Protein backbone atom coordinates (compact mmCIF):
# COMPACT_ATOMS: atom_id res chain seq x y z
CA UNK A 1 90.44 77.54 98.31
CA UNK A 2 88.89 76.18 101.51
CA UNK A 3 92.35 75.94 103.13
CA UNK A 4 93.02 79.61 102.36
CA UNK A 5 89.56 80.65 103.59
CA UNK A 6 90.05 78.94 106.94
CA UNK A 7 93.50 80.42 107.45
CA UNK A 8 92.30 83.95 106.56
CA UNK A 9 89.29 83.57 108.84
CA UNK A 10 91.48 82.53 111.76
CA UNK A 11 93.97 85.34 111.21
CA UNK A 12 91.50 88.19 110.74
CA UNK A 13 88.86 86.84 113.10
CA UNK A 14 91.17 87.58 116.01
CA UNK A 15 91.54 91.23 115.05
CA UNK A 16 87.99 92.06 114.00
CA UNK A 17 89.05 92.67 110.40
CA UNK A 18 86.07 92.17 108.16
CA UNK A 19 86.10 94.69 105.30
CA UNK A 20 88.15 93.76 102.23
CA UNK A 21 88.68 95.53 98.92
CA UNK A 22 89.47 93.15 96.05
CA UNK A 23 91.02 94.77 92.96
CA UNK A 24 90.86 92.26 90.11
CA UNK A 25 89.92 92.52 86.43
CA UNK A 26 89.20 88.83 85.74
CA UNK A 27 85.54 88.26 86.64
CA UNK A 28 86.00 84.50 87.16
CA UNK A 29 88.77 85.17 89.68
CA UNK A 30 86.62 87.82 91.37
CA UNK A 31 83.72 85.40 91.71
CA UNK A 32 85.94 82.65 93.13
CA UNK A 33 87.69 84.83 95.72
CA UNK A 34 84.56 86.78 96.65
CA UNK A 35 82.57 83.58 97.21
CA UNK A 36 85.20 82.14 99.52
CA UNK A 37 85.60 85.32 101.55
CA UNK A 38 81.88 86.01 101.93
CA UNK A 39 81.36 82.41 103.10
CA UNK A 40 83.81 83.25 105.89
CA UNK A 41 81.71 86.34 106.78
CA UNK A 42 83.96 88.98 105.24
CA UNK A 43 82.45 92.04 103.56
CA UNK A 44 84.03 92.16 100.10
CA UNK A 45 83.98 95.20 97.81
CA UNK A 46 85.22 94.73 94.26
CA UNK A 47 87.02 97.10 91.90
CA UNK A 48 87.47 95.84 88.36
CA UNK A 49 90.44 98.09 87.55
CA UNK A 50 93.19 100.02 89.28
CA UNK A 51 91.60 103.45 88.97
CA UNK A 52 88.35 102.22 90.48
CA UNK A 53 90.34 100.51 93.24
CA UNK A 54 92.25 103.69 94.03
CA UNK A 55 89.06 105.74 94.20
CA UNK A 56 87.37 103.17 96.45
CA UNK A 57 90.43 102.94 98.72
CA UNK A 58 90.60 106.72 99.08
CA UNK A 59 86.87 107.11 99.81
CA UNK A 60 86.31 104.12 102.12
CA UNK A 61 87.99 102.34 104.97
CA UNK A 62 89.19 98.76 104.44
CA UNK A 63 90.98 96.35 106.73
CA UNK A 64 92.70 94.67 103.80
CA UNK A 65 93.21 95.44 100.11
CA UNK A 66 93.95 92.53 97.77
CA UNK A 67 95.53 93.60 94.47
CA UNK A 68 95.94 91.80 91.16
CA UNK A 69 99.50 92.55 90.08
């Protein structure tokens, strides 16, 4: 995960992108991804299902949305 964190930080750090919406229903996966992203100073919001994710995406502004497909 550290490799991914560093790469994401380098990519988004250059563009000022900091706010991420993570849509994932597996709490262990949420905790893992959220921990890595917050350690790289990203603001992570979590939706535990698609409907919640859609509502959050429509009512807030995010730089990136990560979906569990």
